[in-house]
PDB file of N, CA and C in Angstrom:
ATOM      1  N   MET A   1       9.344 -43.333  13.609  1.00  0.00           N
ATOM      2  CA  MET A   1       9.684 -43.491  12.217  1.00  0.00           C
ATOM      3  C   MET A   1       9.489 -44.957  11.836  1.00  0.00           C
ATOM      4  N   VAL A   2       8.856 -45.206  10.742  1.00  0.00           N
ATOM      5  CA  VAL A   2       8.702 -46.562  10.205  1.00  0.00           C
ATOM      6  C   VAL A   2       9.763 -46.738   9.128  1.00  0.00           C
ATOM      7  N   ASP A   3      10.600 -47.741   9.297  1.00  0.00           N
ATOM      8  CA  ASP A   3      11.631 -47.977   8.282  1.00  0.00           C
ATOM      9  C   ASP A   3      11.432 -49.277   7.527  1.00  0.00           C
ATOM     10  N   ASN A   4      10.426 -50.061   7.940  1.00  0.00           N
ATOM     11  CA  ASN A   4      10.161 -51.315   7.242  1.00  0.00           C
ATOM     12  C   ASN A   4       8.762 -51.797   7.627  1.00  0.00           C
ATOM     13  N   VAL A   5       8.072 -52.378   6.674  1.00  0.00           N
ATOM     14  CA  VAL A   5       6.776 -52.997   6.907  1.00  0.00           C
ATOM     15  C   VAL A   5       6.873 -54.414   6.380  1.00  0.00           C
ATOM     16  N   LEU A   6       6.406 -55.379   7.161  1.00  0.00           N
ATOM     17  CA  LEU A   6       6.462 -56.760   6.682  1.00  0.00           C
ATOM     18  C   LEU A   6       5.139 -57.460   6.941  1.00  0.00           C
ATOM     19  N   GLU A   7       4.878 -58.422   6.121  1.00  0.00           N
ATOM     20  CA  GLU A   7       3.686 -59.258   6.273  1.00  0.00           C
ATOM     21  C   GLU A   7       4.132 -60.540   6.958  1.00  0.00           C
ATOM     22  N   PHE A   8       3.323 -61.008   7.928  1.00  0.00           N
ATOM     23  CA  PHE A   8       3.716 -62.228   8.626  1.00  0.00           C
ATOM     24  C   PHE A   8       2.496 -63.084   8.923  1.00  0.00           C
ATOM     25  N   ASP A   9       2.764 -64.345   9.178  1.00  0.00           N
ATOM     26  CA  ASP A   9       1.723 -65.330   9.468  1.00  0.00           C
ATOM     27  C   ASP A   9       1.402 -65.293  10.957  1.00  0.00           C
ATOM     28  N   ASP A  10       0.178 -64.879  11.292  1.00  0.00           N
ATOM     29  CA  ASP A  10      -0.236 -64.861  12.696  1.00  0.00           C
ATOM     30  C   ASP A  10      -1.364 -65.858  12.947  1.00  0.00           C
ATOM     31  N   SER A  11      -1.443 -66.877  12.093  1.00  0.00           N
ATOM     32  CA  SER A  11      -2.528 -67.857  12.208  1.00  0.00           C
ATOM     33  C   SER A  11      -2.476 -68.634  13.528  1.00  0.00           C
ATOM     34  N   ASN A  12      -1.326 -68.639  14.182  1.00  0.00           N
ATOM     35  CA  ASN A  12      -1.224 -69.320  15.481  1.00  0.00           C
ATOM     36  C   ASN A  12      -1.477 -68.358  16.643  1.00  0.00           C
ATOM     37  N   GLY A  13      -1.898 -67.137  16.340  1.00  0.00           N
ATOM     38  CA  GLY A  13      -2.224 -66.168  17.381  1.00  0.00           C
ATOM     39  C   GLY A  13      -1.019 -65.487  18.001  1.00  0.00           C
ATOM     40  N   THR A  14       0.131 -65.610  17.375  1.00  0.00           N
ATOM     41  CA  THR A  14       1.339 -64.987  17.909  1.00  0.00           C
ATOM     42  C   THR A  14       2.017 -64.130  16.842  1.00  0.00           C
ATOM     43  N   ALA A  15       3.015 -63.392  17.274  1.00  0.00           N
ATOM     44  CA  ALA A  15       3.850 -62.613  16.359  1.00  0.00           C
ATOM     45  C   ALA A  15       5.220 -63.273  16.188  1.00  0.00           C
ATOM     46  N   CYS A  16       5.307 -64.568  16.485  1.00  0.00           N
ATOM     47  CA  CYS A  16       6.585 -65.282  16.399  1.00  0.00           C
ATOM     48  C   CYS A  16       7.179 -65.222  14.995  1.00  0.00           C
ATOM     49  N   ASP A  17       6.346 -65.331  13.972  1.00  0.00           N
ATOM     50  CA  ASP A  17       6.848 -65.261  12.603  1.00  0.00           C
ATOM     51  C   ASP A  17       7.413 -63.876  12.311  1.00  0.00           C
ATOM     52  N   ALA A  18       6.775 -62.842  12.831  1.00  0.00           N
ATOM     53  CA  ALA A  18       7.275 -61.477  12.635  1.00  0.00           C
ATOM     54  C   ALA A  18       8.623 -61.302  13.319  1.00  0.00           C
ATOM     55  N   ILE A  19       8.751 -61.826  14.530  1.00  0.00           N
ATOM     56  CA  ILE A  19      10.025 -61.741  15.242  1.00  0.00           C
ATOM     57  C   ILE A  19      11.114 -62.462  14.459  1.00  0.00           C
ATOM     58  N   ALA A  20      10.813 -63.648  13.956  1.00  0.00           N
ATOM     59  CA  ALA A  20      11.789 -64.417  13.177  1.00  0.00           C
ATOM     60  C   ALA A  20      12.228 -63.638  11.940  1.00  0.00           C
ATOM     61  N   GLN A  21      11.270 -63.028  11.246  1.00  0.00           N
ATOM     62  CA  GLN A  21      11.610 -62.239  10.063  1.00  0.00           C
ATOM     63  C   GLN A  21      12.471 -61.034  10.429  1.00  0.00           C
ATOM     64  N   CYS A  22      12.129 -60.383  11.514  1.00  0.00           N
ATOM     65  CA  CYS A  22      12.912 -59.219  11.949  1.00  0.00           C
ATOM     66  C   CYS A  22      14.335 -59.608  12.319  1.00  0.00           C
ATOM     67  N   LEU A  23      14.497 -60.768  12.935  1.00  0.00           N
ATOM     68  CA  LEU A  23      15.836 -61.216  13.315  1.00  0.00           C
ATOM     69  C   LEU A  23      16.699 -61.540  12.098  1.00  0.00           C
ATOM     70  N   GLU A  24      16.070 -61.774  10.954  1.00  0.00           N
ATOM     71  CA  GLU A  24      16.834 -61.963   9.721  1.00  0.00           C
ATOM     72  C   GLU A  24      17.358 -60.634   9.189  1.00  0.00           C
ATOM     73  N   ILE A  25      16.701 -59.535   9.575  1.00  0.00           N
ATOM     74  CA  ILE A  25      17.045 -58.209   9.066  1.00  0.00           C
ATOM     75  C   ILE A  25      17.866 -57.407  10.076  1.00  0.00           C
ATOM     76  N   TYR A  26      17.488 -57.510  11.357  1.00  0.00           N
ATOM     77  CA  TYR A  26      18.073 -56.678  12.403  1.00  0.00           C
ATOM     78  C   TYR A  26      18.826 -57.518  13.422  1.00  0.00           C
ATOM     79  N   ASP A  27      19.758 -56.883  14.113  1.00  0.00           N
ATOM     80  CA  ASP A  27      20.540 -57.570  15.147  1.00  0.00           C
ATOM     81  C   ASP A  27      19.732 -57.808  16.414  1.00  0.00           C
ATOM     82  N   LYS A  28      18.814 -56.886  16.713  1.00  0.00           N
ATOM     83  CA  LYS A  28      17.984 -56.986  17.918  1.00  0.00           C
ATOM     84  C   LYS A  28      16.560 -56.598  17.583  1.00  0.00           C
ATOM     85  N   VAL A  29      15.625 -57.163  18.339  1.00  0.00           N
ATOM     86  CA  VAL A  29      14.205 -56.849  18.200  1.00  0.00           C
ATOM     87  C   VAL A  29      13.694 -56.460  19.577  1.00  0.00           C
ATOM     88  N   ILE A  30      12.981 -55.342  19.645  1.00  0.00           N
ATOM     89  CA  ILE A  30      12.316 -54.960  20.886  1.00  0.00           C
ATOM     90  C   ILE A  30      10.848 -55.302  20.719  1.00  0.00           C
ATOM     91  N   PHE A  31      10.359 -56.215  21.549  1.00  0.00           N
ATOM     92  CA  PHE A  31       8.979 -56.675  21.475  1.00  0.00           C
ATOM     93  C   PHE A  31       8.207 -55.993  22.590  1.00  0.00           C
ATOM     94  N   ALA A  32       7.393 -55.001  22.216  1.00  0.00           N
ATOM     95  CA  ALA A  32       6.675 -54.176  23.189  1.00  0.00           C
ATOM     96  C   ALA A  32       5.290 -54.752  23.455  1.00  0.00           C
ATOM     97  N   ASN A  33       4.903 -54.748  24.717  1.00  0.00           N
ATOM     98  CA  ASN A  33       3.633 -55.317  25.149  1.00  0.00           C
ATOM     99  C   ASN A  33       2.907 -54.354  26.060  1.00  0.00           C
ATOM    100  N   GLY A  34       1.577 -54.377  26.000  1.00  0.00           N
ATOM    101  CA  GLY A  34       0.758 -53.497  26.823  1.00  0.00           C
ATOM    102  C   GLY A  34       0.705 -53.930  28.279  1.00  0.00           C
ATOM    103  N   GLY A  35      -0.045 -53.175  29.060  1.00  0.00           N
ATOM    104  CA  GLY A  35      -0.105 -53.381  30.500  1.00  0.00           C
ATOM    105  C   GLY A  35      -0.737 -54.679  30.940  1.00  0.00           C
ATOM    106  N   ASP A  36      -1.470 -55.342  30.044  1.00  0.00           N
ATOM    107  CA  ASP A  36      -2.102 -56.609  30.415  1.00  0.00           C
ATOM    108  C   ASP A  36      -1.232 -57.813  30.074  1.00  0.00           C
ATOM    109  N   ARG A  37      -0.044 -57.572  29.555  1.00  0.00           N
ATOM    110  CA  ARG A  37       0.851 -58.663  29.154  1.00  0.00           C
ATOM    111  C   ARG A  37       2.048 -58.766  30.081  1.00  0.00           C
ATOM    112  N   HIS A  38       2.510 -60.006  30.252  1.00  0.00           N
ATOM    113  CA  HIS A  38       3.716 -60.281  31.015  1.00  0.00           C
ATOM    114  C   HIS A  38       4.288 -61.590  30.500  1.00  0.00           C
ATOM    115  N   ASN A  39       5.399 -62.018  31.060  1.00  0.00           N
ATOM    116  CA  ASN A  39       6.074 -63.197  30.515  1.00  0.00           C
ATOM    117  C   ASN A  39       5.274 -64.483  30.643  1.00  0.00           C
ATOM    118  N   GLU A  40       4.249 -64.516  31.475  1.00  0.00           N
ATOM    119  CA  GLU A  40       3.463 -65.741  31.635  1.00  0.00           C
ATOM    120  C   GLU A  40       2.283 -65.840  30.674  1.00  0.00           C
ATOM    121  N   ASN A  41       1.898 -64.746  30.014  1.00  0.00           N
ATOM    122  CA  ASN A  41       0.785 -64.819  29.063  1.00  0.00           C
ATOM    123  C   ASN A  41       1.160 -64.278  27.684  1.00  0.00           C
ATOM    124  N   THR A  42       2.442 -64.331  27.377  1.00  0.00           N
ATOM    125  CA  THR A  42       2.936 -63.884  26.077  1.00  0.00           C
ATOM    126  C   THR A  42       3.666 -65.047  25.423  1.00  0.00           C
ATOM    127  N   PRO A  43       3.028 -65.723  24.462  1.00  0.00           N
ATOM    128  CA  PRO A  43       3.644 -66.919  23.873  1.00  0.00           C
ATOM    129  C   PRO A  43       4.975 -66.637  23.180  1.00  0.00           C
ATOM    130  N   GLU A  44       5.149 -65.427  22.678  1.00  0.00           N
ATOM    131  CA  GLU A  44       6.412 -65.079  22.030  1.00  0.00           C
ATOM    132  C   GLU A  44       7.570 -65.167  23.020  1.00  0.00           C
ATOM    133  N   PHE A  45       7.294 -64.842  24.273  1.00  0.00           N
ATOM    134  CA  PHE A  45       8.333 -64.921  25.306  1.00  0.00           C
ATOM    135  C   PHE A  45       8.818 -66.356  25.465  1.00  0.00           C
ATOM    136  N   ASN A  46       7.904 -67.311  25.468  1.00  0.00           N
ATOM    137  CA  ASN A  46       8.295 -68.713  25.643  1.00  0.00           C
ATOM    138  C   ASN A  46       9.239 -69.183  24.549  1.00  0.00           C
ATOM    139  N   LEU A  47       9.011 -68.730  23.326  1.00  0.00           N
ATOM    140  CA  LEU A  47       9.852 -69.166  22.216  1.00  0.00           C
ATOM    141  C   LEU A  47      11.206 -68.462  22.212  1.00  0.00           C
ATOM    142  N   TYR A  48      11.231 -67.196  22.574  1.00  0.00           N
ATOM    143  CA  TYR A  48      12.449 -66.400  22.434  1.00  0.00           C
ATOM    144  C   TYR A  48      13.082 -65.979  23.755  1.00  0.00           C
ATOM    145  N   LYS A  49      12.659 -66.546  24.884  1.00  0.00           N
ATOM    146  CA  LYS A  49      13.162 -66.084  26.180  1.00  0.00           C
ATOM    147  C   LYS A  49      14.665 -66.278  26.347  1.00  0.00           C
ATOM    148  N   ASP A  50      15.259 -67.235  25.672  1.00  0.00           N
ATOM    149  CA  ASP A  50      16.690 -67.481  25.797  1.00  0.00           C
ATOM    150  C   ASP A  50      17.503 -66.827  24.681  1.00  0.00           C
ATOM    151  N   ASP A  51      16.837 -66.074  23.830  1.00  0.00           N
ATOM    152  CA  ASP A  51      17.512 -65.392  22.722  1.00  0.00           C
ATOM    153  C   ASP A  51      17.764 -63.948  23.135  1.00  0.00           C
ATOM    154  N   ASP A  52      19.015 -63.608  23.404  1.00  0.00           N
ATOM    155  CA  ASP A  52      19.325 -62.262  23.890  1.00  0.00           C
ATOM    156  C   ASP A  52      19.167 -61.188  22.814  1.00  0.00           C
ATOM    157  N   ARG A  53      18.821 -61.585  21.598  1.00  0.00           N
ATOM    158  CA  ARG A  53      18.561 -60.602  20.546  1.00  0.00           C
ATOM    159  C   ARG A  53      17.140 -60.047  20.634  1.00  0.00           C
ATOM    160  N   VAL A  54      16.272 -60.701  21.416  1.00  0.00           N
ATOM    161  CA  VAL A  54      14.886 -60.248  21.582  1.00  0.00           C
ATOM    162  C   VAL A  54      14.763 -59.629  22.971  1.00  0.00           C
ATOM    163  N   ILE A  55      14.425 -58.342  22.985  1.00  0.00           N
ATOM    164  CA  ILE A  55      14.286 -57.587  24.231  1.00  0.00           C
ATOM    165  C   ILE A  55      12.801 -57.330  24.444  1.00  0.00           C
ATOM    166  N   TYR A  56      12.318 -57.618  25.629  1.00  0.00           N
ATOM    167  CA  TYR A  56      10.896 -57.441  25.947  1.00  0.00           C
ATOM    168  C   TYR A  56      10.695 -56.170  26.736  1.00  0.00           C
ATOM    169  N   ARG A  57       9.665 -55.438  26.379  1.00  0.00           N
ATOM    170  CA  ARG A  57       9.240 -54.254  27.119  1.00  0.00           C
ATOM    171  C   ARG A  57       7.811 -54.498  27.559  1.00  0.00           C
ATOM    172  N   TRP A  58       7.578 -54.493  28.847  1.00  0.00           N
ATOM    173  CA  TRP A  58       6.264 -54.764  29.423  1.00  0.00           C
ATOM    174  C   TRP A  58       5.636 -53.454  29.891  1.00  0.00           C
ATOM    175  N   GLY A  59       4.326 -53.408  29.916  1.00  0.00           N
ATOM    176  CA  GLY A  59       3.626 -52.244  30.451  1.00  0.00           C
ATOM    177  C   GLY A  59       3.669 -51.024  29.568  1.00  0.00           C
ATOM    178  N   VAL A  60       3.884 -51.209  28.267  1.00  0.00           N
ATOM    179  CA  VAL A  60       3.907 -50.075  27.349  1.00  0.00           C
ATOM    180  C   VAL A  60       2.513 -49.456  27.322  1.00  0.00           C
ATOM    181  N   GLY A  61       2.431 -48.177  27.561  1.00  0.00           N
ATOM    182  CA  GLY A  61       1.138 -47.508  27.628  1.00  0.00           C
ATOM    183  C   GLY A  61       0.584 -47.456  29.037  1.00  0.00           C
ATOM    184  N   GLY A  62       1.289 -48.054  29.980  1.00  0.00           N
ATOM    185  CA  GLY A  62       0.853 -48.025  31.380  1.00  0.00           C
ATOM    186  C   GLY A  62       0.307 -49.361  31.837  1.00  0.00           C
ATOM    187  N   VAL A  63       0.438 -49.622  33.116  1.00  0.00           N
ATOM    188  CA  VAL A  63      -0.033 -50.894  33.668  1.00  0.00           C
ATOM    189  C   VAL A  63      -1.384 -50.758  34.357  1.00  0.00           C
ATOM    190  N   GLY A  64      -1.818 -49.556  34.657  1.00  0.00           N
ATOM    191  CA  GLY A  64      -3.100 -49.359  35.331  1.00  0.00           C
ATOM    192  C   GLY A  64      -4.197 -48.972  34.357  1.00  0.00           C
ATOM    193  N   LYS A  65      -4.146 -49.524  33.169  1.00  0.00           N
ATOM    194  CA  LYS A  65      -5.100 -49.146  32.133  1.00  0.00           C
ATOM    195  C   LYS A  65      -6.492 -49.703  32.431  1.00  0.00           C
ATOM    196  N   LYS A  66      -7.515 -48.924  32.061  1.00  0.00           N
ATOM    197  CA  LYS A  66      -8.885 -49.397  32.205  1.00  0.00           C
ATOM    198  C   LYS A  66      -9.262 -50.319  31.051  1.00  0.00           C
ATOM    199  N   GLN A  67      -8.602 -50.169  29.927  1.00  0.00           N
ATOM    200  CA  GLN A  67      -8.837 -51.000  28.747  1.00  0.00           C
ATOM    201  C   GLN A  67      -7.478 -51.390  28.172  1.00  0.00           C
ATOM    202  N   SER A  68      -7.441 -52.485  27.481  1.00  0.00           N
ATOM    203  CA  SER A  68      -6.252 -52.864  26.732  1.00  0.00           C
ATOM    204  C   SER A  68      -6.700 -53.245  25.342  1.00  0.00           C
ATOM    205  N   SER A  69      -5.801 -53.151  24.393  1.00  0.00           N
ATOM    206  CA  SER A  69      -6.173 -53.527  23.028  1.00  0.00           C
ATOM    207  C   SER A  69      -6.581 -54.990  22.969  1.00  0.00           C
ATOM    208  N   SER A  70      -5.960 -55.841  23.781  1.00  0.00           N
ATOM    209  CA  SER A  70      -6.332 -57.259  23.790  1.00  0.00           C
ATOM    210  C   SER A  70      -7.779 -57.440  24.233  1.00  0.00           C
ATOM    211  N   TRP A  71      -8.191 -56.712  25.282  1.00  0.00           N
ATOM    212  CA  TRP A  71      -9.571 -56.825  25.766  1.00  0.00           C
ATOM    213  C   TRP A  71     -10.551 -56.280  24.731  1.00  0.00           C
ATOM    214  N   ILE A  72     -10.202 -55.165  24.110  1.00  0.00           N
ATOM    215  CA  ILE A  72     -11.074 -54.554  23.105  1.00  0.00           C
ATOM    216  C   ILE A  72     -11.225 -55.483  21.899  1.00  0.00           C
ATOM    217  N   LEU A  73     -10.128 -56.052  21.424  1.00  0.00           N
ATOM    218  CA  LEU A  73     -10.191 -56.965  20.277  1.00  0.00           C
ATOM    219  C   LEU A  73     -10.953 -58.238  20.606  1.00  0.00           C
ATOM    220  N   GLU A  74     -10.801 -58.736  21.814  1.00  0.00           N
ATOM    221  CA  GLU A  74     -11.532 -59.933  22.225  1.00  0.00           C
ATOM    222  C   GLU A  74     -13.037 -59.664  22.231  1.00  0.00           C
ATOM    223  N   ALA A  75     -13.432 -58.521  22.754  1.00  0.00           N
ATOM    224  CA  ALA A  75     -14.855 -58.154  22.774  1.00  0.00           C
ATOM    225  C   ALA A  75     -15.377 -57.964  21.357  1.00  0.00           C
ATOM    226  N   TRP A  76     -14.577 -57.344  20.497  1.00  0.00           N
ATOM    227  CA  TRP A  76     -14.993 -57.138  19.100  1.00  0.00           C
ATOM    228  C   TRP A  76     -15.150 -58.480  18.393  1.00  0.00           C
ATOM    229  N   ASP A  77     -14.241 -59.402  18.646  1.00  0.00           N
ATOM    230  CA  ASP A  77     -14.275 -60.709  17.989  1.00  0.00           C
ATOM    231  C   ASP A  77     -15.504 -61.515  18.394  1.00  0.00           C
ATOM    232  N   LYS A  78     -16.027 -61.282  19.584  1.00  0.00           N
ATOM    233  CA  LYS A  78     -17.185 -62.022  20.077  1.00  0.00           C
ATOM    234  C   LYS A  78     -18.523 -61.404  19.680  1.00  0.00           C
ATOM    235  N   ARG A  79     -18.516 -60.283  18.998  1.00  0.00           N
ATOM    236  CA  ARG A  79     -19.758 -59.619  18.606  1.00  0.00           C
ATOM    237  C   ARG A  79     -20.580 -60.510  17.673  1.00  0.00           C
ATOM    238  N   ASP A  80     -21.877 -60.490  17.860  1.00  0.00           N
ATOM    239  CA  ASP A  80     -22.777 -61.268  17.002  1.00  0.00           C
ATOM    240  C   ASP A  80     -23.058 -60.584  15.678  1.00  0.00           C
ATOM    241  N   ASP A  81     -22.939 -59.272  15.629  1.00  0.00           N
ATOM    242  CA  ASP A  81     -23.294 -58.533  14.425  1.00  0.00           C
ATOM    243  C   ASP A  81     -22.127 -58.358  13.452  1.00  0.00           C
ATOM    244  N   ARG A  82     -21.015 -58.994  13.725  1.00  0.00           N
ATOM    245  CA  ARG A  82     -19.829 -58.856  12.886  1.00  0.00           C
ATOM    246  C   ARG A  82     -20.049 -59.554  11.556  1.00  0.00           C
ATOM    247  N   THR A  83     -19.639 -58.920  10.479  1.00  0.00           N
ATOM    248  CA  THR A  83     -19.731 -59.541   9.162  1.00  0.00           C
ATOM    249  C   THR A  83     -18.346 -59.929   8.700  1.00  0.00           C
ATOM    250  N   VAL A  84     -18.279 -61.005   7.943  1.00  0.00           N
ATOM    251  CA  VAL A  84     -16.991 -61.481   7.470  1.00  0.00           C
ATOM    252  C   VAL A  84     -16.907 -61.257   5.985  1.00  0.00           C
TER     253      VAL A  84
END
């Protein structure tokens, strides 16, 4: 169920602004990450690791994935035929 949609600034490549906005609305935020993410390659973790209101879920969708959305988006971003 979707109970809220928000627009956030991701110009720094993170969802930190979205987390900050959610913390203004909700008591806790669950930040879900795919199988290619962990606490060492997730910048949001570095900012919010000491905030017990942010709960991290790792390996969402499985950890033995052949593809991840991050890999797919990276490959798409590097395409030469992309139009802006």
